[in-house]
Amino acid sequence: MYYILISINLQQGSDEMNKKLRKAITSGVFCAMIFVLTMFVKFPVASGYVHFGDALIYVCASLLGPWGIIAGAIGEGLADVAGGFAVYFPATVIVKALIALPFSLFNFKNEKLLSVKSGLLTIPSGLITVAGYFIADMIIDKAYALVDIPGNLIQAAGSAVIFIIISAAFDKANIRNKLFRG
């Protein structure tokens, strides 16, 4: 019965409501993709691993704005918990929300995901990653804080490259318009 009421409301709902619902659903899908790509598609480096999650956070925040911030923070936070790094959950949620913020603020309304500006946004986001995890490591395990910097720099650089590749592909496929038209 509940499903029928939702279906009727969606059919009778305003375009604005349908757009909000589409954004909520899309952010849930991105949250799941970020979790999976962080948890299972990773490449080991000296003090951690490079994964696709941060790059997908950049894309998600560019497409969804504030919804992308939430999806990224939750997706990567849950990957930490599931991967045995629950102690990093609070730091990860904060850091991932902060790395998404520049894309949400400055790339969300752009027609294209990839531009010189969006490429440059990977720099402050990468620095936030390095600084954020340095602070977290100082709180959690001071001895590890300096050792973790090179791995976080590699993660930030890898995320920038992956973001550029994914954004170029999404722009070529016109993903922004396909997701949010109507």
N, C-alpha and C. Protein backbone atom coordinates (compact mmCIF):
# COMPACT_ATOMS: atom_id res chain seq x y z
N MET A 1 0.82 -1.19 0.00
CA MET A 1 0.00 0.00 0.00
C MET A 1 0.87 1.26 0.00
N TYR A 2 1.90 1.25 0.85
CA TYR A 2 2.79 2.40 0.95
C TYR A 2 3.46 2.68 -0.39
N TYR A 3 3.89 1.61 -1.07
CA TYR A 3 4.54 1.75 -2.38
C TYR A 3 3.60 2.42 -3.38
N ILE A 4 2.33 2.06 -3.36
CA ILE A 4 1.35 2.64 -4.28
C ILE A 4 1.20 4.14 -4.01
N LEU A 5 1.16 4.53 -2.73
CA LEU A 5 1.04 5.95 -2.39
C LEU A 5 2.25 6.73 -2.87
N ILE A 6 3.44 6.17 -2.69
CA ILE A 6 4.65 6.84 -3.17
C ILE A 6 4.59 6.99 -4.68
N SER A 7 4.19 5.93 -5.36
CA SER A 7 4.11 5.96 -6.82
C SER A 7 3.13 7.02 -7.29
N ILE A 8 1.98 7.10 -6.65
CA ILE A 8 0.97 8.10 -7.02
C ILE A 8 1.52 9.50 -6.77
N ASN A 9 2.16 9.70 -5.62
CA ASN A 9 2.72 11.01 -5.30
C ASN A 9 3.79 11.41 -6.30
N LEU A 10 4.62 10.48 -6.73
CA LEU A 10 5.65 10.81 -7.71
C LEU A 10 5.04 11.19 -9.04
N GLN A 11 3.98 10.48 -9.43
CA GLN A 11 3.35 10.79 -10.70
C GLN A 11 2.65 12.14 -10.65
N GLN A 12 2.12 12.49 -9.49
CA GLN A 12 1.40 13.75 -9.35
C GLN A 12 2.30 14.87 -8.84
N GLY A 13 3.52 14.52 -8.43
CA GLY A 13 4.42 15.49 -7.82
C GLY A 13 4.93 16.52 -8.80
N SER A 14 5.45 17.57 -8.24
CA SER A 14 6.00 18.64 -9.05
C SER A 14 7.33 18.22 -9.64
N ASP A 15 7.75 18.95 -10.66
CA ASP A 15 9.06 18.70 -11.24
C ASP A 15 10.15 18.92 -10.21
N GLU A 16 9.96 19.91 -9.34
CA GLU A 16 10.96 20.20 -8.31
C GLU A 16 11.11 19.02 -7.35
N MET A 17 9.99 18.42 -6.97
CA MET A 17 10.04 17.26 -6.08
C MET A 17 10.74 16.09 -6.78
N ASN A 18 10.42 15.88 -8.04
CA ASN A 18 11.06 14.80 -8.78
C ASN A 18 12.56 15.04 -8.92
N LYS A 19 12.98 16.29 -9.09
CA LYS A 19 14.41 16.60 -9.18
C LYS A 19 15.09 16.32 -7.85
N LYS A 20 14.44 16.68 -6.75
CA LYS A 20 15.01 16.42 -5.42
C LYS A 20 15.12 14.91 -5.17
N LEU A 21 14.08 14.19 -5.55
CA LEU A 21 14.11 12.74 -5.38
C LEU A 21 15.21 12.13 -6.25
N ARG A 22 15.35 12.61 -7.47
CA ARG A 22 16.40 12.11 -8.36
C ARG A 22 17.78 12.38 -7.76
N LYS A 23 17.97 13.57 -7.17
CA LYS A 23 19.25 13.88 -6.53
C LYS A 23 19.49 12.97 -5.33
N ALA A 24 18.47 12.73 -4.54
CA ALA A 24 18.63 11.86 -3.36
C ALA A 24 18.99 10.44 -3.79
N ILE A 25 18.31 9.94 -4.80
CA ILE A 25 18.60 8.59 -5.28
C ILE A 25 20.00 8.53 -5.89
N THR A 26 20.34 9.52 -6.69
CA THR A 26 21.67 9.56 -7.31
C THR A 26 22.76 9.65 -6.25
N SER A 27 22.52 10.42 -5.20
CA SER A 27 23.53 10.51 -4.14
C SER A 27 23.68 9.18 -3.41
N GLY A 28 22.60 8.45 -3.25
CA GLY A 28 22.68 7.11 -2.64
C GLY A 28 23.49 6.15 -3.50
N VAL A 29 23.28 6.23 -4.80
CA VAL A 29 24.05 5.39 -5.73
C VAL A 29 25.53 5.77 -5.67
N PHE A 30 25.82 7.07 -5.68
CA PHE A 30 27.22 7.52 -5.58
C PHE A 30 27.83 7.08 -4.25
N CYS A 31 27.08 7.17 -3.16
CA CYS A 31 27.58 6.75 -1.86
C CYS A 31 28.00 5.28 -1.92
N ALA A 32 27.17 4.45 -2.52
CA ALA A 32 27.50 3.02 -2.66
C ALA A 32 28.71 2.82 -3.56
N MET A 33 28.78 3.55 -4.68
CA MET A 33 29.93 3.41 -5.57
C MET A 33 31.21 3.87 -4.88
N ILE A 34 31.15 4.96 -4.14
CA ILE A 34 32.32 5.45 -3.42
C ILE A 34 32.78 4.41 -2.40
N PHE A 35 31.84 3.82 -1.69
CA PHE A 35 32.18 2.76 -0.73
C PHE A 35 32.88 1.61 -1.43
N VAL A 36 32.28 1.10 -2.49
CA VAL A 36 32.84 -0.06 -3.20
C VAL A 36 34.20 0.26 -3.81
N LEU A 37 34.32 1.41 -4.47
CA LEU A 37 35.58 1.75 -5.12
C LEU A 37 36.68 2.10 -4.12
N THR A 38 36.32 2.51 -2.93
CA THR A 38 37.32 2.74 -1.88
C THR A 38 37.73 1.42 -1.24
N MET A 39 36.77 0.58 -1.01
CA MET A 39 36.98 -0.66 -0.28
C MET A 39 37.68 -1.73 -1.13
N PHE A 40 37.30 -1.84 -2.40
CA PHE A 40 37.72 -3.00 -3.18
C PHE A 40 38.63 -2.70 -4.36
N VAL A 41 38.69 -1.47 -4.81
CA VAL A 41 39.56 -1.13 -5.95
C VAL A 41 40.64 -0.18 -5.42
N LYS A 42 41.74 -0.77 -4.99
CA LYS A 42 42.80 0.05 -4.40
C LYS A 42 44.16 -0.50 -4.79
N PHE A 43 45.12 0.40 -4.77
CA PHE A 43 46.48 0.07 -5.16
C PHE A 43 47.40 0.44 -4.00
N PRO A 44 48.11 -0.54 -3.44
CA PRO A 44 48.96 -0.26 -2.27
C PRO A 44 50.10 0.71 -2.59
N VAL A 45 50.37 1.60 -1.66
CA VAL A 45 51.54 2.49 -1.70
C VAL A 45 52.21 2.37 -0.33
N ALA A 46 53.29 3.09 -0.14
CA ALA A 46 54.13 2.95 1.06
C ALA A 46 53.35 2.93 2.37
N SER A 47 52.47 3.89 2.58
CA SER A 47 51.80 3.98 3.89
C SER A 47 50.29 3.92 3.78
N GLY A 48 49.79 3.19 2.82
CA GLY A 48 48.34 3.09 2.66
C GLY A 48 48.01 2.57 1.28
N TYR A 49 47.05 3.20 0.65
CA TYR A 49 46.67 2.77 -0.69
C TYR A 49 46.01 3.92 -1.43
N VAL A 50 46.09 3.84 -2.76
CA VAL A 50 45.40 4.79 -3.63
C VAL A 50 44.11 4.11 -4.06
N HIS A 51 43.03 4.84 -4.00
CA HIS A 51 41.73 4.29 -4.39
C HIS A 51 40.99 5.32 -5.25
N PHE A 52 39.88 4.88 -5.83
CA PHE A 52 39.09 5.73 -6.71
C PHE A 52 38.07 6.59 -5.95
N GLY A 53 37.91 6.36 -4.67
CA GLY A 53 36.87 7.03 -3.90
C GLY A 53 36.93 8.54 -3.91
N ASP A 54 38.12 9.11 -3.68
CA ASP A 54 38.22 10.57 -3.62
C ASP A 54 37.87 11.21 -4.96
N ALA A 55 38.34 10.60 -6.05
CA ALA A 55 38.02 11.14 -7.38
C ALA A 55 36.51 11.11 -7.61
N LEU A 56 35.87 10.05 -7.16
CA LEU A 56 34.42 9.96 -7.32
C LEU A 56 33.71 10.97 -6.42
N ILE A 57 34.30 11.29 -5.27
CA ILE A 57 33.74 12.35 -4.42
C ILE A 57 33.78 13.68 -5.17
N TYR A 58 34.89 13.97 -5.85
CA TYR A 58 34.99 15.21 -6.63
C TYR A 58 33.90 15.26 -7.69
N VAL A 59 33.71 14.15 -8.39
CA VAL A 59 32.68 14.08 -9.44
C VAL A 59 31.30 14.24 -8.82
N CYS A 60 31.06 13.52 -7.75
CA CYS A 60 29.75 13.54 -7.08
C CYS A 60 29.40 14.94 -6.57
N ALA A 61 30.36 15.62 -5.95
CA ALA A 61 30.11 16.98 -5.45
C ALA A 61 29.90 17.95 -6.60
N SER A 62 30.58 17.72 -7.72
CA SER A 62 30.39 18.57 -8.90
C SER A 62 29.00 18.39 -9.49
N LEU A 63 28.50 17.16 -9.46
CA LEU A 63 27.18 16.87 -10.02
C LEU A 63 26.04 17.21 -9.05
N LEU A 64 26.24 16.93 -7.76
CA LEU A 64 25.15 16.98 -6.81
C LEU A 64 25.25 18.08 -5.76
N GLY A 65 26.33 18.83 -5.74
CA GLY A 65 26.48 19.88 -4.75
C GLY A 65 26.49 19.33 -3.34
N PRO A 66 25.69 19.89 -2.44
CA PRO A 66 25.67 19.44 -1.05
C PRO A 66 25.35 17.96 -0.88
N TRP A 67 24.50 17.42 -1.74
CA TRP A 67 24.20 15.99 -1.69
C TRP A 67 25.48 15.18 -1.91
N GLY A 68 26.36 15.68 -2.76
CA GLY A 68 27.62 14.99 -3.04
C GLY A 68 28.55 14.98 -1.85
N ILE A 69 28.51 16.06 -1.08
CA ILE A 69 29.33 16.12 0.14
C ILE A 69 28.90 15.00 1.09
N ILE A 70 27.61 14.87 1.27
CA ILE A 70 27.07 13.85 2.18
C ILE A 70 27.39 12.45 1.67
N ALA A 71 27.17 12.21 0.39
CA ALA A 71 27.43 10.88 -0.19
C ALA A 71 28.90 10.50 -0.04
N GLY A 72 29.78 11.43 -0.31
CA GLY A 72 31.21 11.14 -0.21
C GLY A 72 31.66 10.85 1.20
N ALA A 73 31.21 11.68 2.14
CA ALA A 73 31.60 11.49 3.54
C ALA A 73 31.10 10.16 4.08
N ILE A 74 29.86 9.83 3.79
CA ILE A 74 29.29 8.57 4.28
C ILE A 74 29.94 7.37 3.59
N GLY A 75 30.08 7.43 2.27
CA GLY A 75 30.66 6.31 1.53
C GLY A 75 32.05 5.95 1.99
N GLU A 76 32.91 6.95 2.13
CA GLU A 76 34.29 6.65 2.56
C GLU A 76 34.36 6.36 4.05
N GLY A 77 33.52 7.00 4.85
CA GLY A 77 33.49 6.68 6.28
C GLY A 77 33.12 5.23 6.51
N LEU A 78 32.11 4.76 5.80
CA LEU A 78 31.70 3.36 5.93
C LEU A 78 32.78 2.41 5.41
N ALA A 79 33.53 2.82 4.39
CA ALA A 79 34.63 1.99 3.89
C ALA A 79 35.71 1.85 4.97
N ASP A 80 35.97 2.91 5.72
CA ASP A 80 36.92 2.81 6.83
C ASP A 80 36.44 1.81 7.87
N VAL A 81 35.18 1.91 8.25
CA VAL A 81 34.63 1.00 9.26
C VAL A 81 34.69 -0.44 8.75
N ALA A 82 34.23 -0.68 7.54
CA ALA A 82 34.21 -2.03 6.98
C ALA A 82 35.62 -2.58 6.75
N GLY A 83 36.56 -1.69 6.51
CA GLY A 83 37.94 -2.11 6.24
C GLY A 83 38.79 -2.27 7.48
N GLY A 84 38.22 -2.08 8.65
CA GLY A 84 38.97 -2.26 9.88
C GLY A 84 39.66 -1.01 10.39
N PHE A 85 39.30 0.14 9.85
CA PHE A 85 39.91 1.41 10.28
C PHE A 85 38.88 2.31 10.95
N ALA A 86 38.03 1.72 11.79
CA ALA A 86 36.95 2.47 12.41
C ALA A 86 37.45 3.67 13.22
N VAL A 87 38.67 3.59 13.74
CA VAL A 87 39.22 4.70 14.50
C VAL A 87 39.32 5.96 13.64
N TYR A 88 39.42 5.78 12.31
CA TYR A 88 39.52 6.92 11.40
C TYR A 88 38.15 7.44 10.93
N PHE A 89 37.08 6.76 11.31
CA PHE A 89 35.75 7.15 10.81
C PHE A 89 35.45 8.64 11.01
N PRO A 90 35.58 9.19 12.22
CA PRO A 90 35.25 10.62 12.39
C PRO A 90 36.13 11.52 11.52
N ALA A 91 37.43 11.23 11.48
CA ALA A 91 38.33 12.04 10.66
C ALA A 91 37.99 11.92 9.19
N THR A 92 37.71 10.72 8.74
CA THR A 92 37.38 10.51 7.33
C THR A 92 36.13 11.27 6.94
N VAL A 93 35.10 11.21 7.75
CA VAL A 93 33.86 11.92 7.43
C VAL A 93 34.13 13.42 7.30
N ILE A 94 34.91 13.97 8.22
CA ILE A 94 35.23 15.41 8.16
C ILE A 94 36.10 15.73 6.96
N VAL A 95 37.17 14.96 6.76
CA VAL A 95 38.10 15.23 5.65
C VAL A 95 37.38 15.09 4.31
N LYS A 96 36.59 14.05 4.14
CA LYS A 96 35.93 13.83 2.85
C LYS A 96 34.86 14.89 2.59
N ALA A 97 34.19 15.35 3.63
CA ALA A 97 33.24 16.47 3.44
C ALA A 97 34.00 17.72 3.01
N LEU A 98 35.15 17.95 3.61
CA LEU A 98 35.93 19.14 3.27
C LEU A 98 36.55 19.07 1.88
N ILE A 99 36.97 17.86 1.43
CA ILE A 99 37.54 17.79 0.08
C ILE A 99 36.47 17.95 -0.99
N ALA A 100 35.23 17.63 -0.64
CA ALA A 100 34.13 17.80 -1.59
C ALA A 100 33.66 19.25 -1.67
N LEU A 101 33.88 20.00 -0.61
CA LEU A 101 33.37 21.36 -0.52
C LEU A 101 33.78 22.27 -1.68
N PRO A 102 35.06 22.32 -2.08
CA PRO A 102 35.41 23.19 -3.21
C PRO A 102 34.65 22.84 -4.50
N PHE A 103 34.46 21.55 -4.74
CA PHE A 103 33.74 21.14 -5.95
C PHE A 103 32.26 21.49 -5.85
N SER A 104 31.70 21.35 -4.66
CA SER A 104 30.30 21.70 -4.45
C SER A 104 30.08 23.21 -4.61
N LEU A 105 31.02 23.99 -4.13
CA LEU A 105 30.88 25.45 -4.19
C LEU A 105 31.19 26.03 -5.57
N PHE A 106 32.23 25.52 -6.22
CA PHE A 106 32.74 26.18 -7.42
C PHE A 106 32.56 25.41 -8.72
N ASN A 107 32.11 24.16 -8.66
CA ASN A 107 31.96 23.39 -9.90
C ASN A 107 30.55 22.85 -10.08
N PHE A 108 29.71 22.99 -9.06
CA PHE A 108 28.37 22.41 -9.06
C PHE A 108 27.48 22.96 -10.17
N LYS A 109 27.54 24.23 -10.44
CA LYS A 109 26.64 24.85 -11.43
C LYS A 109 27.23 24.86 -12.85
N ASN A 110 28.46 24.42 -13.00
CA ASN A 110 29.08 24.44 -14.33
C ASN A 110 28.42 23.43 -15.27
N GLU A 111 28.42 23.77 -16.54
CA GLU A 111 27.85 22.87 -17.54
C GLU A 111 28.71 21.61 -17.69
N LYS A 112 30.01 21.79 -17.65
CA LYS A 112 30.95 20.67 -17.81
C LYS A 112 31.58 20.33 -16.46
N LEU A 113 31.85 19.06 -16.26
CA LEU A 113 32.55 18.63 -15.05
C LEU A 113 34.03 19.00 -15.11
N LEU A 114 34.61 18.86 -16.29
CA LEU A 114 36.05 19.08 -16.44
C LEU A 114 36.32 20.44 -17.07
N SER A 115 37.09 21.22 -16.38
CA SER A 115 37.53 22.53 -16.87
C SER A 115 38.87 22.81 -16.19
N VAL A 116 39.50 23.88 -16.59
CA VAL A 116 40.74 24.27 -15.91
C VAL A 116 40.45 24.50 -14.43
N LYS A 117 39.34 25.17 -14.15
CA LYS A 117 38.97 25.46 -12.76
C LYS A 117 38.78 24.17 -11.96
N SER A 118 38.05 23.21 -12.52
CA SER A 118 37.82 21.97 -11.76
C SER A 118 39.11 21.19 -11.59
N GLY A 119 39.99 21.23 -12.58
CA GLY A 119 41.29 20.59 -12.42
C GLY A 119 42.09 21.22 -11.29
N LEU A 120 42.02 22.55 -11.21
CA LEU A 120 42.74 23.27 -10.14
C LEU A 120 42.12 23.03 -8.76
N LEU A 121 40.82 22.72 -8.73
CA LEU A 121 40.17 22.45 -7.44
C LEU A 121 40.72 21.19 -6.77
N THR A 122 41.35 20.32 -7.56
CA THR A 122 41.95 19.12 -6.96
C THR A 122 43.12 19.48 -6.04
N ILE A 123 43.72 20.65 -6.25
CA ILE A 123 44.88 21.05 -5.43
C ILE A 123 44.47 21.34 -3.98
N PRO A 124 43.51 22.26 -3.74
CA PRO A 124 43.13 22.47 -2.33
C PRO A 124 42.52 21.21 -1.71
N SER A 125 41.79 20.44 -2.50
CA SER A 125 41.21 19.21 -1.96
C SER A 125 42.30 18.22 -1.58
N GLY A 126 43.33 18.12 -2.40
CA GLY A 126 44.45 17.24 -2.06
C GLY A 126 45.18 17.70 -0.81
N LEU A 127 45.36 19.02 -0.69
CA LEU A 127 46.02 19.55 0.50
C LEU A 127 45.18 19.33 1.76
N ILE A 128 43.86 19.40 1.61
CA ILE A 128 42.96 19.11 2.73
C ILE A 128 43.13 17.65 3.16
N THR A 129 43.25 16.75 2.19
CA THR A 129 43.47 15.33 2.50
C THR A 129 44.73 15.16 3.33
N VAL A 130 45.82 15.73 2.85
CA VAL A 130 47.11 15.58 3.54
C VAL A 130 47.06 16.20 4.93
N ALA A 131 46.58 17.44 5.03
CA ALA A 131 46.53 18.12 6.32
C ALA A 131 45.53 17.46 7.27
N GLY A 132 44.38 17.07 6.75
CA GLY A 132 43.35 16.46 7.59
C GLY A 132 43.80 15.15 8.20
N TYR A 133 44.43 14.30 7.40
CA TYR A 133 44.90 13.03 7.95
C TYR A 133 46.16 13.20 8.80
N PHE A 134 46.95 14.24 8.54
CA PHE A 134 48.07 14.53 9.43
C PHE A 134 47.55 14.88 10.83
N ILE A 135 46.53 15.74 10.88
CA ILE A 135 45.93 16.10 12.17
C ILE A 135 45.33 14.87 12.84
N ALA A 136 44.60 14.07 12.06
CA ALA A 136 44.00 12.85 12.62
C ALA A 136 45.08 11.91 13.16
N ASP A 137 46.15 11.74 12.39
CA ASP A 137 47.24 10.87 12.84
C ASP A 137 47.93 11.42 14.09
N MET A 138 48.03 12.73 14.21
CA MET A 138 48.62 13.32 15.42
C MET A 138 47.77 13.00 16.65
N ILE A 139 46.47 12.92 16.46
CA ILE A 139 45.57 12.60 17.56
C ILE A 139 45.58 11.10 17.84
N ILE A 140 45.54 10.29 16.78
CA ILE A 140 45.42 8.84 16.92
C ILE A 140 46.75 8.18 17.26
N ASP A 141 47.79 8.51 16.50
CA ASP A 141 49.09 7.86 16.67
C ASP A 141 50.17 8.79 16.13
N LYS A 142 50.74 9.60 16.99
CA LYS A 142 51.71 10.62 16.57
C LYS A 142 52.86 10.05 15.76
N ALA A 143 53.29 8.86 16.09
CA ALA A 143 54.43 8.27 15.39
C ALA A 143 54.13 8.04 13.92
N TYR A 144 52.88 7.89 13.59
CA TYR A 144 52.49 7.58 12.21
C TYR A 144 52.23 8.83 11.37
N ALA A 145 52.10 9.97 12.00
CA ALA A 145 51.68 11.19 11.32
C ALA A 145 52.60 11.58 10.16
N LEU A 146 53.89 11.62 10.39
CA LEU A 146 54.82 12.00 9.32
C LEU A 146 54.96 10.92 8.27
N VAL A 147 54.91 9.68 8.69
CA VAL A 147 55.04 8.55 7.76
C VAL A 147 53.88 8.52 6.77
N ASP A 148 52.73 8.99 7.19
CA ASP A 148 51.51 8.93 6.37
C ASP A 148 51.46 10.02 5.29
N ILE A 149 52.26 11.06 5.41
CA ILE A 149 52.20 12.18 4.46
C ILE A 149 52.48 11.75 3.02
N PRO A 150 53.55 11.00 2.72
CA PRO A 150 53.79 10.61 1.32
C PRO A 150 52.63 9.81 0.71
N GLY A 151 52.07 8.89 1.48
CA GLY A 151 50.93 8.12 0.97
C GLY A 151 49.73 8.99 0.67
N ASN A 152 49.48 9.97 1.53
CA ASN A 152 48.36 10.89 1.30
C ASN A 152 48.62 11.80 0.11
N LEU A 153 49.88 12.19 -0.10
CA LEU A 153 50.22 12.98 -1.29
C LEU A 153 50.00 12.16 -2.56
N ILE A 154 50.39 10.89 -2.53
CA ILE A 154 50.18 10.01 -3.68
C ILE A 154 48.68 9.82 -3.92
N GLN A 155 47.91 9.62 -2.84
CA GLN A 155 46.46 9.50 -2.97
C GLN A 155 45.85 10.75 -3.60
N ALA A 156 46.29 11.91 -3.15
CA ALA A 156 45.76 13.18 -3.68
C ALA A 156 46.09 13.34 -5.15
N ALA A 157 47.33 13.04 -5.54
CA ALA A 157 47.72 13.15 -6.95
C ALA A 157 46.97 12.13 -7.80
N GLY A 158 46.87 10.91 -7.30
CA GLY A 158 46.13 9.88 -8.03
C GLY A 158 44.66 10.25 -8.20
N SER A 159 44.08 10.82 -7.17
CA SER A 159 42.67 11.24 -7.24
C SER A 159 42.48 12.33 -8.28
N ALA A 160 43.44 13.25 -8.38
CA ALA A 160 43.35 14.31 -9.38
C ALA A 160 43.35 13.73 -10.79
N VAL A 161 44.26 12.80 -11.04
CA VAL A 161 44.35 12.17 -12.37
C VAL A 161 43.08 11.38 -12.68
N ILE A 162 42.62 10.60 -11.72
CA ILE A 162 41.40 9.79 -11.92
C ILE A 162 40.20 10.70 -12.13
N PHE A 163 40.11 11.80 -11.37
CA PHE A 163 39.01 12.76 -11.55
C PHE A 163 39.00 13.31 -12.98
N ILE A 164 40.16 13.68 -13.48
CA ILE A 164 40.25 14.23 -14.84
C ILE A 164 39.77 13.21 -15.86
N ILE A 165 40.18 11.96 -15.71
CA ILE A 165 39.78 10.90 -16.65
C ILE A 165 38.28 10.66 -16.58
N ILE A 166 37.74 10.49 -15.36
CA ILE A 166 36.30 10.23 -15.20
C ILE A 166 35.48 11.42 -15.69
N SER A 167 35.90 12.64 -15.34
CA SER A 167 35.15 13.83 -15.75
C SER A 167 35.13 13.99 -17.27
N ALA A 168 36.25 13.73 -17.90
CA ALA A 168 36.30 13.82 -19.37
C ALA A 168 35.34 12.81 -19.99
N ALA A 169 35.32 11.60 -19.45
CA ALA A 169 34.40 10.58 -19.96
C ALA A 169 32.95 10.96 -19.70
N PHE A 170 32.64 11.46 -18.50
CA PHE A 170 31.28 11.88 -18.18
C PHE A 170 30.82 13.04 -19.05
N ASP A 171 31.73 13.99 -19.30
CA ASP A 171 31.38 15.12 -20.17
C ASP A 171 31.11 14.64 -21.59
N LYS A 172 31.95 13.74 -22.07
CA LYS A 172 31.76 13.22 -23.43
C LYS A 172 30.42 12.48 -23.55
N ALA A 173 30.04 11.78 -22.49
CA ALA A 173 28.76 11.04 -22.48
C ALA A 173 27.58 11.93 -22.07
N ASN A 174 27.86 13.20 -21.76
CA ASN A 174 26.82 14.16 -21.37
C ASN A 174 26.02 13.68 -20.14
N ILE A 175 26.73 13.14 -19.17
CA ILE A 175 26.10 12.56 -17.98
C ILE A 175 25.28 13.58 -17.19
N ARG A 176 25.80 14.79 -17.03
CA ARG A 176 25.07 15.79 -16.22
C ARG A 176 23.66 16.00 -16.77
N ASN A 177 23.54 16.18 -18.07
CA ASN A 177 22.21 16.41 -18.67
C ASN A 177 21.35 15.16 -18.62
N LYS A 178 21.95 14.00 -18.79
CA LYS A 178 21.17 12.76 -18.75
C LYS A 178 20.64 12.47 -17.34
N LEU A 179 21.40 12.84 -16.33
CA LEU A 179 20.96 12.60 -14.95
C LEU A 179 19.85 13.55 -14.52
N PHE A 180 19.92 14.79 -14.98
CA PHE A 180 19.05 15.80 -14.39
C PHE A 180 18.12 16.51 -15.36
N ARG A 181 17.94 15.98 -16.54
CA ARG A 181 16.97 16.63 -17.44
C ARG A 181 15.56 16.22 -17.01
N GLY A 182 14.64 17.04 -17.39
CA GLY A 182 13.25 16.72 -17.08
C GLY A 182 12.85 17.31 -15.84
